[in-house]
Amino acid sequence: MPPGALLDAATVGSVTGSRLVTADPPEPVCDSARAVGSLAMRSSGLADSSGHVWQSVATWPARAAARRAVREVNAALVSCGWTSEGDPRLGEAAAALHRQTSAGTETALVLAADGVTVSLV
């Protein structure tokens, strides 16, 4: 998985108006929305004093496996206290979720297309 497959601080910062720096994303699926069992995965994080973007891009052996991974991540996040907002109709399968934390509302998006999943928190 090439590093260019992920969002970079300059690109996200230009959209958000933030000065983001790279940060290590958390390991637990409850915090990172990472799928388990992919052929290859690359994850990274961007953060500043006001928030973060955790991202993962993963490849799967088949499109069906990527779609299944979206359902599995959705179920895992719901079991951790996230609220599912359903399928936002992106890609071949997608899930949008949110949760309240002490820092405010967090939003997660997991989508699958062409045997690849993308997770953003």
PDB file of N, CA and C in Angstrom:
ATOM      1  N   MET A   1       0.852  -1.158   0.000  1.00  0.00           N
ATOM      2  CA  MET A   1       0.000   0.000   0.000  1.00  0.00           C
ATOM      3  C   MET A   1       0.908   1.235   0.000  1.00  0.00           C
ATOM      4  N   PRO A   2       0.866   2.046  -1.020  1.00  0.00           N
ATOM      5  CA  PRO A   2       1.756   3.218  -1.083  1.00  0.00           C
ATOM      6  C   PRO A   2       1.323   4.315  -0.114  1.00  0.00           C
ATOM      7  N   PRO A   3       2.284   5.046   0.436  1.00  0.00           N
ATOM      8  CA  PRO A   3       1.941   6.138   1.361  1.00  0.00           C
ATOM      9  C   PRO A   3       0.995   7.163   0.731  1.00  0.00           C
ATOM     10  N   GLY A   4       1.072   7.352  -0.581  1.00  0.00           N
ATOM     11  CA  GLY A   4       0.208   8.311  -1.259  1.00  0.00           C
ATOM     12  C   GLY A   4      -1.257   7.925  -1.248  1.00  0.00           C
ATOM     13  N   ALA A   5      -1.571   6.701  -0.788  1.00  0.00           N
ATOM     14  CA  ALA A   5      -2.966   6.263  -0.709  1.00  0.00           C
ATOM     15  C   ALA A   5      -3.694   6.940   0.446  1.00  0.00           C
ATOM     16  N   LEU A   6      -2.948   7.574   1.326  1.00  0.00           N
ATOM     17  CA  LEU A   6      -3.539   8.209   2.505  1.00  0.00           C
ATOM     18  C   LEU A   6      -3.545   9.727   2.380  1.00  0.00           C
ATOM     19  N   LEU A   7      -4.447  10.345   3.104  1.00  0.00           N
ATOM     20  CA  LEU A   7      -4.492  11.803   3.163  1.00  0.00           C
ATOM     21  C   LEU A   7      -3.238  12.324   3.851  1.00  0.00           C
ATOM     22  N   ASP A   8      -2.775  13.506   3.462  1.00  0.00           N
ATOM     23  CA  ASP A   8      -1.602  14.086   4.099  1.00  0.00           C
ATOM     24  C   ASP A   8      -2.005  15.361   4.849  1.00  0.00           C
ATOM     25  N   ALA A   9      -1.125  15.810   5.740  1.00  0.00           N
ATOM     26  CA  ALA A   9      -1.415  16.964   6.593  1.00  0.00           C
ATOM     27  C   ALA A   9      -1.688  18.224   5.785  1.00  0.00           C
ATOM     28  N   ALA A  10      -0.939  18.447   4.718  1.00  0.00           N
ATOM     29  CA  ALA A  10      -1.125  19.659   3.918  1.00  0.00           C
ATOM     30  C   ALA A  10      -2.497  19.674   3.247  1.00  0.00           C
ATOM     31  N   THR A  11      -2.910  18.536   2.698  1.00  0.00           N
ATOM     32  CA  THR A  11      -4.205  18.466   2.007  1.00  0.00           C
ATOM     33  C   THR A  11      -5.364  18.664   2.987  1.00  0.00           C
ATOM     34  N   VAL A  12      -5.352  17.923   4.082  1.00  0.00           N
ATOM     35  CA  VAL A  12      -6.436  18.043   5.064  1.00  0.00           C
ATOM     36  C   VAL A  12      -6.417  19.429   5.700  1.00  0.00           C
ATOM     37  N   GLY A  13      -5.237  19.924   6.001  1.00  0.00           N
ATOM     38  CA  GLY A  13      -5.121  21.256   6.592  1.00  0.00           C
ATOM     39  C   GLY A  13      -5.639  22.346   5.683  1.00  0.00           C
ATOM     40  N   SER A  14      -5.456  22.191   4.383  1.00  0.00           N
ATOM     41  CA  SER A  14      -5.950  23.211   3.457  1.00  0.00           C
ATOM     42  C   SER A  14      -7.478  23.240   3.429  1.00  0.00           C
ATOM     43  N   VAL A  15      -8.110  22.107   3.723  1.00  0.00           N
ATOM     44  CA  VAL A  15      -9.572  22.045   3.758  1.00  0.00           C
ATOM     45  C   VAL A  15     -10.109  22.526   5.108  1.00  0.00           C
ATOM     46  N   THR A  16      -9.443  22.128   6.184  1.00  0.00           N
ATOM     47  CA  THR A  16      -9.938  22.442   7.525  1.00  0.00           C
ATOM     48  C   THR A  16      -9.408  23.757   8.079  1.00  0.00           C
ATOM     49  N   GLY A  17      -8.365  24.278   7.464  1.00  0.00           N
ATOM     50  CA  GLY A  17      -7.753  25.494   7.993  1.00  0.00           C
ATOM     51  C   GLY A  17      -6.897  25.232   9.215  1.00  0.00           C
ATOM     52  N   SER A  18      -6.532  23.978   9.437  1.00  0.00           N
ATOM     53  CA  SER A  18      -5.746  23.584  10.611  1.00  0.00           C
ATOM     54  C   SER A  18      -4.292  23.346  10.244  1.00  0.00           C
ATOM     55  N   ARG A  19      -3.442  23.404  11.247  1.00  0.00           N
ATOM     56  CA  ARG A  19      -2.032  23.042  11.088  1.00  0.00           C
ATOM     57  C   ARG A  19      -1.845  21.673  11.720  1.00  0.00           C
ATOM     58  N   LEU A  20      -2.101  20.657  10.932  1.00  0.00           N
ATOM     59  CA  LEU A  20      -2.054  19.287  11.419  1.00  0.00           C
ATOM     60  C   LEU A  20      -0.639  18.733  11.385  1.00  0.00           C
ATOM     61  N   VAL A  21      -0.369  17.812  12.287  1.00  0.00           N
ATOM     62  CA  VAL A  21       0.896  17.078  12.306  1.00  0.00           C
ATOM     63  C   VAL A  21       0.556  15.593  12.292  1.00  0.00           C
ATOM     64  N   THR A  22       1.496  14.780  11.846  1.00  0.00           N
ATOM     65  CA  THR A  22       1.250  13.341  11.853  1.00  0.00           C
ATOM     66  C   THR A  22       1.220  12.831  13.291  1.00  0.00           C
ATOM     67  N   ALA A  23       0.399  11.834  13.515  1.00  0.00           N
ATOM     68  CA  ALA A  23       0.242  11.236  14.847  1.00  0.00           C
ATOM     69  C   ALA A  23      -0.064   9.761  14.655  1.00  0.00           C
ATOM     70  N   ASP A  24       0.328   8.948  15.620  1.00  0.00           N
ATOM     71  CA  ASP A  24       0.037   7.518  15.542  1.00  0.00           C
ATOM     72  C   ASP A  24      -1.426   7.280  15.887  1.00  0.00           C
ATOM     73  N   PRO A  25      -2.169   6.606  14.987  1.00  0.00           N
ATOM     74  CA  PRO A  25      -3.566   6.309  15.303  1.00  0.00           C
ATOM     75  C   PRO A  25      -3.655   5.268  16.409  1.00  0.00           C
ATOM     76  N   PRO A  26      -4.740   5.273  17.152  1.00  0.00           N
ATOM     77  CA  PRO A  26      -4.897   4.278  18.217  1.00  0.00           C
ATOM     78  C   PRO A  26      -5.088   2.883  17.625  1.00  0.00           C
ATOM     79  N   GLU A  27      -4.775   1.870  18.390  1.00  0.00           N
ATOM     80  CA  GLU A  27      -4.894   0.488  17.932  1.00  0.00           C
ATOM     81  C   GLU A  27      -6.321  -0.055  18.002  1.00  0.00           C
ATOM     82  N   PRO A  28      -7.039   0.153  19.087  1.00  0.00           N
ATOM     83  CA  PRO A  28      -8.347  -0.512  19.196  1.00  0.00           C
ATOM     84  C   PRO A  28      -9.317  -0.075  18.100  1.00  0.00           C
ATOM     85  N   VAL A  29     -10.088  -1.043  17.592  1.00  0.00           N
ATOM     86  CA  VAL A  29     -11.071  -0.727  16.560  1.00  0.00           C
ATOM     87  C   VAL A  29     -12.074   0.293  17.082  1.00  0.00           C
ATOM     88  N   CYS A  30     -12.329   0.315  18.378  1.00  0.00           N
ATOM     89  CA  CYS A  30     -13.297   1.263  18.937  1.00  0.00           C
ATOM     90  C   CYS A  30     -12.869   2.709  18.725  1.00  0.00           C
ATOM     91  N   ASP A  31     -11.590   2.942  18.581  1.00  0.00           N
ATOM     92  CA  ASP A  31     -11.090   4.305  18.401  1.00  0.00           C
ATOM     93  C   ASP A  31     -10.625   4.597  16.981  1.00  0.00           C
ATOM     94  N   SER A  32     -10.265   3.567  16.224  1.00  0.00           N
ATOM     95  CA  SER A  32      -9.678   3.803  14.904  1.00  0.00           C
ATOM     96  C   SER A  32     -10.538   3.334  13.740  1.00  0.00           C
ATOM     97  N   ALA A  33     -11.535   2.494  13.996  1.00  0.00           N
ATOM     98  CA  ALA A  33     -12.400   1.928  12.957  1.00  0.00           C
ATOM     99  C   ALA A  33     -11.634   1.091  11.937  1.00  0.00           C
ATOM    100  N   ARG A  34     -10.524   0.492  12.366  1.00  0.00           N
ATOM    101  CA  ARG A  34      -9.734  -0.346  11.467  1.00  0.00           C
ATOM    102  C   ARG A  34     -10.374  -1.712  11.279  1.00  0.00           C
ATOM    103  N   ALA A  35     -10.414  -2.170  10.057  1.00  0.00           N
ATOM    104  CA  ALA A  35     -10.893  -3.512   9.746  1.00  0.00           C
ATOM    105  C   ALA A  35      -9.783  -4.522  10.042  1.00  0.00           C
ATOM    106  N   VAL A  36     -10.162  -5.757  10.308  1.00  0.00           N
ATOM    107  CA  VAL A  36      -9.202  -6.812  10.623  1.00  0.00           C
ATOM    108  C   VAL A  36      -9.269  -7.891   9.545  1.00  0.00           C
ATOM    109  N   GLY A  37      -8.110  -8.405   9.130  1.00  0.00           N
ATOM    110  CA  GLY A  37      -8.066  -9.534   8.210  1.00  0.00           C
ATOM    111  C   GLY A  37      -7.804  -9.186   6.757  1.00  0.00           C
ATOM    112  N   SER A  38      -7.401  -7.972   6.480  1.00  0.00           N
ATOM    113  CA  SER A  38      -7.150  -7.564   5.096  1.00  0.00           C
ATOM    114  C   SER A  38      -5.848  -8.168   4.576  1.00  0.00           C
ATOM    115  N   LEU A  39      -5.659  -8.102   3.258  1.00  0.00           N
ATOM    116  CA  LEU A  39      -4.394  -8.545   2.656  1.00  0.00           C
ATOM    117  C   LEU A  39      -3.272  -7.577   2.991  1.00  0.00           C
ATOM    118  N   ALA A  40      -3.565  -6.291   2.937  1.00  0.00           N
ATOM    119  CA  ALA A  40      -2.586  -5.251   3.254  1.00  0.00           C
ATOM    120  C   ALA A  40      -3.339  -4.041   3.796  1.00  0.00           C
ATOM    121  N   MET A  41      -2.686  -3.314   4.702  1.00  0.00           N
ATOM    122  CA  MET A  41      -3.317  -2.136   5.288  1.00  0.00           C
ATOM    123  C   MET A  41      -2.257  -1.092   5.600  1.00  0.00           C
ATOM    124  N   ARG A  42      -2.633   0.148   5.446  1.00  0.00           N
ATOM    125  CA  ARG A  42      -1.787   1.260   5.877  1.00  0.00           C
ATOM    126  C   ARG A  42      -2.678   2.202   6.662  1.00  0.00           C
ATOM    127  N   SER A  43      -2.205   2.609   7.829  1.00  0.00           N
ATOM    128  CA  SER A  43      -2.948   3.526   8.689  1.00  0.00           C
ATOM    129  C   SER A  43      -2.061   4.693   9.065  1.00  0.00           C
ATOM    130  N   SER A  44      -2.695   5.814   9.303  1.00  0.00           N
ATOM    131  CA  SER A  44      -1.953   6.972   9.784  1.00  0.00           C
ATOM    132  C   SER A  44      -2.914   7.897  10.504  1.00  0.00           C
ATOM    133  N   GLY A  45      -2.342   8.885  11.122  1.00  0.00           N
ATOM    134  CA  GLY A  45      -3.158   9.851  11.832  1.00  0.00           C
ATOM    135  C   GLY A  45      -2.641  11.256  11.631  1.00  0.00           C
ATOM    136  N   LEU A  46      -3.559  12.187  11.718  1.00  0.00           N
ATOM    137  CA  LEU A  46      -3.254  13.617  11.668  1.00  0.00           C
ATOM    138  C   LEU A  46      -3.961  14.249  12.847  1.00  0.00           C
ATOM    139  N   ALA A  47      -3.300  15.190  13.512  1.00  0.00           N
ATOM    140  CA  ALA A  47      -3.921  15.786  14.695  1.00  0.00           C
ATOM    141  C   ALA A  47      -3.445  17.217  14.900  1.00  0.00           C
ATOM    142  N   ASP A  48      -4.264  17.965  15.596  1.00  0.00           N
ATOM    143  CA  ASP A  48      -3.884  19.275  16.115  1.00  0.00           C
ATOM    144  C   ASP A  48      -4.602  19.439  17.446  1.00  0.00           C
ATOM    145  N   SER A  49      -4.529  20.606  18.032  1.00  0.00           N
ATOM    146  CA  SER A  49      -5.106  20.811  19.360  1.00  0.00           C
ATOM    147  C   SER A  49      -6.631  20.692  19.367  1.00  0.00           C
ATOM    148  N   SER A  50      -7.258  20.811  18.206  1.00  0.00           N
ATOM    149  CA  SER A  50      -8.722  20.772  18.171  1.00  0.00           C
ATOM    150  C   SER A  50      -9.303  19.427  17.743  1.00  0.00           C
ATOM    151  N   GLY A  51      -8.471  18.496  17.301  1.00  0.00           N
ATOM    152  CA  GLY A  51      -9.018  17.211  16.897  1.00  0.00           C
ATOM    153  C   GLY A  51      -8.044  16.360  16.126  1.00  0.00           C
ATOM    154  N   HIS A  52      -8.581  15.342  15.451  1.00  0.00           N
ATOM    155  CA  HIS A  52      -7.747  14.376  14.742  1.00  0.00           C
ATOM    156  C   HIS A  52      -8.485  13.793  13.546  1.00  0.00           C
ATOM    157  N   VAL A  53      -7.717  13.162  12.672  1.00  0.00           N
ATOM    158  CA  VAL A  53      -8.237  12.324  11.591  1.00  0.00           C
ATOM    159  C   VAL A  53      -7.424  11.037  11.631  1.00  0.00           C
ATOM    160  N   TRP A  54      -8.079   9.921  11.975  1.00  0.00           N
ATOM    161  CA  TRP A  54      -7.439   8.615  11.902  1.00  0.00           C
ATOM    162  C   TRP A  54      -7.908   7.998  10.596  1.00  0.00           C
ATOM    163  N   GLN A  55      -6.997   7.431   9.843  1.00  0.00           N
ATOM    164  CA  GLN A  55      -7.374   6.870   8.547  1.00  0.00           C
ATOM    165  C   GLN A  55      -6.677   5.538   8.304  1.00  0.00           C
ATOM    166  N   SER A  56      -7.398   4.651   7.650  1.00  0.00           N
ATOM    167  CA  SER A  56      -6.853   3.352   7.258  1.00  0.00           C
ATOM    168  C   SER A  56      -7.356   3.024   5.866  1.00  0.00           C
ATOM    169  N   VAL A  57      -6.474   2.489   5.048  1.00  0.00           N
ATOM    170  CA  VAL A  57      -6.829   1.992   3.725  1.00  0.00           C
ATOM    171  C   VAL A  57      -6.375   0.531   3.687  1.00  0.00           C
ATOM    172  N   ALA A  58      -7.287  -0.367   3.294  1.00  0.00           N
ATOM    173  CA  ALA A  58      -6.972  -1.792   3.290  1.00  0.00           C
ATOM    174  C   ALA A  58      -7.436  -2.432   1.986  1.00  0.00           C
ATOM    175  N   THR A  59      -6.675  -3.425   1.530  1.00  0.00           N
ATOM    176  CA  THR A  59      -7.074  -4.190   0.348  1.00  0.00           C
ATOM    177  C   THR A  59      -7.548  -5.565   0.802  1.00  0.00           C
ATOM    178  N   TRP A  60      -8.484  -6.124   0.040  1.00  0.00           N
ATOM    179  CA  TRP A  60      -9.121  -7.391   0.380  1.00  0.00           C
ATOM    180  C   TRP A  60      -9.028  -8.338  -0.808  1.00  0.00           C
ATOM    181  N   PRO A  61      -9.156  -9.654  -0.578  1.00  0.00           N
ATOM    182  CA  PRO A  61      -9.028 -10.614  -1.672  1.00  0.00           C
ATOM    183  C   PRO A  61     -10.174 -10.534  -2.690  1.00  0.00           C
ATOM    184  N   ALA A  62     -11.279  -9.928  -2.296  1.00  0.00           N
ATOM    185  CA  ALA A  62     -12.432  -9.826  -3.201  1.00  0.00           C
ATOM    186  C   ALA A  62     -13.321  -8.666  -2.752  1.00  0.00           C
ATOM    187  N   ARG A  63     -14.132  -8.186  -3.657  1.00  0.00           N
ATOM    188  CA  ARG A  63     -15.051  -7.091  -3.336  1.00  0.00           C
ATOM    189  C   ARG A  63     -15.994  -7.481  -2.200  1.00  0.00           C
ATOM    190  N   ALA A  64     -16.459  -8.735  -2.221  1.00  0.00           N
ATOM    191  CA  ALA A  64     -17.371  -9.196  -1.169  1.00  0.00           C
ATOM    192  C   ALA A  64     -16.707  -9.120   0.202  1.00  0.00           C
ATOM    193  N   ALA A  65     -15.430  -9.436   0.279  1.00  0.00           N
ATOM    194  CA  ALA A  65     -14.706  -9.366   1.556  1.00  0.00           C
ATOM    195  C   ALA A  65     -14.615  -7.926   2.048  1.00  0.00           C
ATOM    196  N   ALA A  66     -14.412  -6.992   1.156  1.00  0.00           N
ATOM    197  CA  ALA A  66     -14.363  -5.577   1.536  1.00  0.00           C
ATOM    198  C   ALA A  66     -15.732  -5.110   2.041  1.00  0.00           C
ATOM    199  N   ARG A  67     -16.794  -5.526   1.356  1.00  0.00           N
ATOM    200  CA  ARG A  67     -18.143  -5.155   1.810  1.00  0.00           C
ATOM    201  C   ARG A  67     -18.439  -5.764   3.182  1.00  0.00           C
ATOM    202  N   ARG A  68     -18.018  -7.009   3.384  1.00  0.00           N
ATOM    203  CA  ARG A  68     -18.199  -7.668   4.680  1.00  0.00           C
ATOM    204  C   ARG A  68     -17.418  -6.928   5.773  1.00  0.00           C
ATOM    205  N   ALA A  69     -16.219  -6.455   5.442  1.00  0.00           N
ATOM    206  CA  ALA A  69     -15.420  -5.715   6.422  1.00  0.00           C
ATOM    207  C   ALA A  69     -16.149  -4.452   6.886  1.00  0.00           C
ATOM    208  N   VAL A  70     -16.842  -3.775   5.986  1.00  0.00           N
ATOM    209  CA  VAL A  70     -17.622  -2.588   6.379  1.00  0.00           C
ATOM    210  C   VAL A  70     -18.674  -2.980   7.410  1.00  0.00           C
ATOM    211  N   ARG A  71     -19.391  -4.063   7.153  1.00  0.00           N
ATOM    212  CA  ARG A  71     -20.421  -4.515   8.106  1.00  0.00           C
ATOM    213  C   ARG A  71     -19.797  -4.886   9.448  1.00  0.00           C
ATOM    214  N   GLU A  72     -18.632  -5.553   9.409  1.00  0.00           N
ATOM    215  CA  GLU A  72     -17.977  -5.981  10.654  1.00  0.00           C
ATOM    216  C   GLU A  72     -17.468  -4.793  11.461  1.00  0.00           C
ATOM    217  N   VAL A  73     -16.882  -3.806  10.797  1.00  0.00           N
ATOM    218  CA  VAL A  73     -16.420  -2.612  11.518  1.00  0.00           C
ATOM    219  C   VAL A  73     -17.615  -1.861  12.090  1.00  0.00           C
ATOM    220  N   ASN A  74     -18.695  -1.745  11.335  1.00  0.00           N
ATOM    221  CA  ASN A  74     -19.898  -1.094  11.830  1.00  0.00           C
ATOM    222  C   ASN A  74     -20.394  -1.785  13.101  1.00  0.00           C
ATOM    223  N   ALA A  75     -20.492  -3.111  13.064  1.00  0.00           N
ATOM    224  CA  ALA A  75     -20.957  -3.865  14.230  1.00  0.00           C
ATOM    225  C   ALA A  75     -20.013  -3.696  15.418  1.00  0.00           C
ATOM    226  N   ALA A  76     -18.698  -3.716  15.162  1.00  0.00           N
ATOM    227  CA  ALA A  76     -17.716  -3.547  16.249  1.00  0.00           C
ATOM    228  C   ALA A  76     -17.839  -2.166  16.879  1.00  0.00           C
ATOM    229  N   LEU A  77     -18.002  -1.138  16.062  1.00  0.00           N
ATOM    230  CA  LEU A  77     -18.122   0.214  16.608  1.00  0.00           C
ATOM    231  C   LEU A  77     -19.421   0.377  17.395  1.00  0.00           C
ATOM    232  N   VAL A  78     -20.512  -0.174  16.912  1.00  0.00           N
ATOM    233  CA  VAL A  78     -21.778  -0.101  17.652  1.00  0.00           C
ATOM    234  C   VAL A  78     -21.624  -0.786  19.007  1.00  0.00           C
ATOM    235  N   SER A  79     -20.917  -1.916  19.050  1.00  0.00           N
ATOM    236  CA  SER A  79     -20.718  -2.613  20.327  1.00  0.00           C
ATOM    237  C   SER A  79     -19.846  -1.813  21.290  1.00  0.00           C
ATOM    238  N   CYS A  80     -19.091  -0.846  20.764  1.00  0.00           N
ATOM    239  CA  CYS A  80     -18.245   0.017  21.600  1.00  0.00           C
ATOM    240  C   CYS A  80     -18.958   1.317  21.992  1.00  0.00           C
ATOM    241  N   GLY A  81     -20.210   1.466  21.620  1.00  0.00           N
ATOM    242  CA  GLY A  81     -20.955   2.656  22.008  1.00  0.00           C
ATOM    243  C   GLY A  81     -21.158   3.689  20.921  1.00  0.00           C
ATOM    244  N   TRP A  82     -20.672   3.419  19.703  1.00  0.00           N
ATOM    245  CA  TRP A  82     -20.937   4.325  18.593  1.00  0.00           C
ATOM    246  C   TRP A  82     -22.389   4.146  18.160  1.00  0.00           C
ATOM    247  N   THR A  83     -22.989   5.167  17.578  1.00  0.00           N
ATOM    248  CA  THR A  83     -24.345   5.108  17.042  1.00  0.00           C
ATOM    249  C   THR A  83     -24.268   5.071  15.520  1.00  0.00           C
ATOM    250  N   SER A  84     -24.878   4.040  14.938  1.00  0.00           N
ATOM    251  CA  SER A  84     -24.864   3.910  13.488  1.00  0.00           C
ATOM    252  C   SER A  84     -25.883   4.856  12.872  1.00  0.00           C
ATOM    253  N   GLU A  85     -25.461   5.541  11.837  1.00  0.00           N
ATOM    254  CA  GLU A  85     -26.352   6.418  11.088  1.00  0.00           C
ATOM    255  C   GLU A  85     -26.764   5.779   9.770  1.00  0.00           C
ATOM    256  N   GLY A  86     -26.389   4.505   9.591  1.00  0.00           N
ATOM    257  CA  GLY A  86     -26.764   3.785   8.381  1.00  0.00           C
ATOM    258  C   GLY A  86     -25.749   3.957   7.270  1.00  0.00           C
ATOM    259  N   ASP A  87     -26.195   3.620   6.085  1.00  0.00           N
ATOM    260  CA  ASP A  87     -25.351   3.648   4.888  1.00  0.00           C
ATOM    261  C   ASP A  87     -25.503   4.996   4.192  1.00  0.00           C
ATOM    262  N   PRO A  88     -24.433   5.784   4.119  1.00  0.00           N
ATOM    263  CA  PRO A  88     -24.525   7.081   3.443  1.00  0.00           C
ATOM    264  C   PRO A  88     -24.478   6.987   1.914  1.00  0.00           C
ATOM    265  N   ARG A  89     -24.564   5.765   1.389  1.00  0.00           N
ATOM    266  CA  ARG A  89     -24.610   5.527  -0.055  1.00  0.00           C
ATOM    267  C   ARG A  89     -23.334   5.989  -0.756  1.00  0.00           C
ATOM    268  N   LEU A  90     -22.205   5.569  -0.232  1.00  0.00           N
ATOM    269  CA  LEU A  90     -20.903   5.822  -0.848  1.00  0.00           C
ATOM    270  C   LEU A  90     -20.293   4.481  -1.218  1.00  0.00           C
ATOM    271  N   GLY A  91     -19.704   4.371  -2.385  1.00  0.00           N
ATOM    272  CA  GLY A  91     -19.042   3.141  -2.782  1.00  0.00           C
ATOM    273  C   GLY A  91     -20.010   1.982  -2.893  1.00  0.00           C
ATOM    274  N   GLU A  92     -19.483   0.766  -2.743  1.00  0.00           N
ATOM    275  CA  GLU A  92     -20.292  -0.443  -2.828  1.00  0.00           C
ATOM    276  C   GLU A  92     -20.966  -0.769  -1.505  1.00  0.00           C
ATOM    277  N   ALA A  93     -20.377  -0.316  -0.408  1.00  0.00           N
ATOM    278  CA  ALA A  93     -20.939  -0.474   0.938  1.00  0.00           C
ATOM    279  C   ALA A  93     -20.323   0.621   1.792  1.00  0.00           C
ATOM    280  N   ALA A  94     -21.082   1.115   2.748  1.00  0.00           N
ATOM    281  CA  ALA A  94     -20.554   2.167   3.615  1.00  0.00           C
ATOM    282  C   ALA A  94     -21.324   2.195   4.921  1.00  0.00           C
ATOM    283  N   ALA A  95     -20.683   2.737   5.943  1.00  0.00           N
ATOM    284  CA  ALA A  95     -21.321   2.937   7.239  1.00  0.00           C
ATOM    285  C   ALA A  95     -20.851   4.274   7.795  1.00  0.00           C
ATOM    286  N   ALA A  96     -21.777   5.024   8.332  1.00  0.00           N
ATOM    287  CA  ALA A  96     -21.468   6.278   9.012  1.00  0.00           C
ATOM    288  C   ALA A  96     -21.914   6.132  10.461  1.00  0.00           C
ATOM    289  N   LEU A  97     -21.073   6.583  11.376  1.00  0.00           N
ATOM    290  CA  LEU A  97     -21.380   6.457  12.799  1.00  0.00           C
ATOM    291  C   LEU A  97     -20.925   7.715  13.532  1.00  0.00           C
ATOM    292  N   HIS A  98     -21.427   7.883  14.754  1.00  0.00           N
ATOM    293  CA  HIS A  98     -20.946   8.976  15.594  1.00  0.00           C
ATOM    294  C   HIS A  98     -20.987   8.535  17.058  1.00  0.00           C
ATOM    295  N   ARG A  99     -20.220   9.248  17.886  1.00  0.00           N
ATOM    296  CA  ARG A  99     -20.255   9.019  19.336  1.00  0.00           C
ATOM    297  C   ARG A  99     -19.864  10.308  20.040  1.00  0.00           C
ATOM    298  N   GLN A 100     -20.319  10.415  21.265  1.00  0.00           N
ATOM    299  CA  GLN A 100     -19.967  11.555  22.107  1.00  0.00           C
ATOM    300  C   GLN A 100     -18.781  11.172  22.981  1.00  0.00           C
ATOM    301  N   THR A 101     -17.796  12.052  23.065  1.00  0.00           N
ATOM    302  CA  THR A 101     -16.656  11.865  23.960  1.00  0.00           C
ATOM    303  C   THR A 101     -16.516  13.126  24.795  1.00  0.00           C
ATOM    304  N   SER A 102     -15.597  13.114  25.707  1.00  0.00           N
ATOM    305  CA  SER A 102     -15.370  14.316  26.525  1.00  0.00           C
ATOM    306  C   SER A 102     -14.886  15.486  25.674  1.00  0.00           C
ATOM    307  N   ALA A 103     -14.308  15.188  24.526  1.00  0.00           N
ATOM    308  CA  ALA A 103     -13.813  16.244  23.637  1.00  0.00           C
ATOM    309  C   ALA A 103     -14.882  16.724  22.653  1.00  0.00           C
ATOM    310  N   GLY A 104     -16.031  16.033  22.590  1.00  0.00           N
ATOM    311  CA  GLY A 104     -17.095  16.418  21.666  1.00  0.00           C
ATOM    312  C   GLY A 104     -17.570  15.233  20.851  1.00  0.00           C
ATOM    313  N   THR A 105     -18.166  15.499  19.715  1.00  0.00           N
ATOM    314  CA  THR A 105     -18.700  14.450  18.850  1.00  0.00           C
ATOM    315  C   THR A 105     -17.633  13.965  17.882  1.00  0.00           C
ATOM    316  N   GLU A 106     -17.478  12.645  17.803  1.00  0.00           N
ATOM    317  CA  GLU A 106     -16.596  12.035  16.813  1.00  0.00           C
ATOM    318  C   GLU A 106     -17.465  11.387  15.739  1.00  0.00           C
ATOM    319  N   THR A 107     -16.994  11.412  14.518  1.00  0.00           N
ATOM    320  CA  THR A 107     -17.685  10.807  13.390  1.00  0.00           C
ATOM    321  C   THR A 107     -16.768   9.786  12.741  1.00  0.00           C
ATOM    322  N   ALA A 108     -17.329   8.653  12.356  1.00  0.00           N
ATOM    323  CA  ALA A 108     -16.572   7.615  11.654  1.00  0.00           C
ATOM    324  C   ALA A 108     -17.263   7.309  10.337  1.00  0.00           C
ATOM    325  N   LEU A 109     -16.469   7.057   9.327  1.00  0.00           N
ATOM    326  CA  LEU A 109     -16.975   6.647   8.021  1.00  0.00           C
ATOM    327  C   LEU A 109     -16.119   5.480   7.542  1.00  0.00           C
ATOM    328  N   VAL A 110     -16.770   4.407   7.141  1.00  0.00           N
ATOM    329  CA  VAL A 110     -16.088   3.238   6.585  1.00  0.00           C
ATOM    330  C   VAL A 110     -16.765   2.944   5.254  1.00  0.00           C
ATOM    331  N   LEU A 111     -15.964   2.824   4.190  1.00  0.00           N
ATOM    332  CA  LEU A 111     -16.569   2.519   2.897  1.00  0.00           C
ATOM    333  C   LEU A 111     -15.728   1.512   2.137  1.00  0.00           C
ATOM    334  N   ALA A 112     -16.396   0.815   1.224  1.00  0.00           N
ATOM    335  CA  ALA A 112     -15.730  -0.187   0.391  1.00  0.00           C
ATOM    336  C   ALA A 112     -16.015   0.098  -1.076  1.00  0.00           C
ATOM    337  N   ALA A 113     -14.989  -0.070  -1.904  1.00  0.00           N
ATOM    338  CA  ALA A 113     -15.131   0.041  -3.355  1.00  0.00           C
ATOM    339  C   ALA A 113     -13.986  -0.727  -4.006  1.00  0.00           C
ATOM    340  N   ASP A 114     -14.298  -1.528  -4.988  1.00  0.00           N
ATOM    341  CA  ASP A 114     -13.295  -2.262  -5.764  1.00  0.00           C
ATOM    342  C   ASP A 114     -12.336  -3.076  -4.909  1.00  0.00           C
ATOM    343  N   GLY A 115     -12.829  -3.689  -3.831  1.00  0.00           N
ATOM    344  CA  GLY A 115     -11.982  -4.543  -2.996  1.00  0.00           C
ATOM    345  C   GLY A 115     -11.089  -3.791  -2.040  1.00  0.00           C
ATOM    346  N   VAL A 116     -11.371  -2.516  -1.820  1.00  0.00           N
ATOM    347  CA  VAL A 116     -10.597  -1.682  -0.900  1.00  0.00           C
ATOM    348  C   VAL A 116     -11.548  -1.068   0.112  1.00  0.00           C
ATOM    349  N   THR A 117     -11.111  -0.989   1.375  1.00  0.00           N
ATOM    350  CA  THR A 117     -11.881  -0.244   2.370  1.00  0.00           C
ATOM    351  C   THR A 117     -11.098   0.982   2.810  1.00  0.00           C
ATOM    352  N   VAL A 118     -11.824   2.024   3.115  1.00  0.00           N
ATOM    353  CA  VAL A 118     -11.260   3.254   3.657  1.00  0.00           C
ATOM    354  C   VAL A 118     -12.018   3.565   4.930  1.00  0.00           C
ATOM    355  N   SER A 119     -11.285   3.787   6.020  1.00  0.00           N
ATOM    356  CA  SER A 119     -11.884   4.152   7.297  1.00  0.00           C
ATOM    357  C   SER A 119     -11.346   5.501   7.733  1.00  0.00           C
ATOM    358  N   LEU A 120     -12.252   6.377   8.131  1.00  0.00           N
ATOM    359  CA  LEU A 120     -11.884   7.701   8.644  1.00  0.00           C
ATOM    360  C   LEU A 120     -12.597   7.948   9.961  1.00  0.00           C
ATOM    361  N   VAL A 121     -11.883   8.454  10.950  1.00  0.00           N
ATOM    362  CA  VAL A 121     -12.488   8.861  12.221  1.00  0.00           C
ATOM    363  C   VAL A 121     -12.023  10.259  12.504  1.00  0.00           C
TER     364      VAL A 121
END
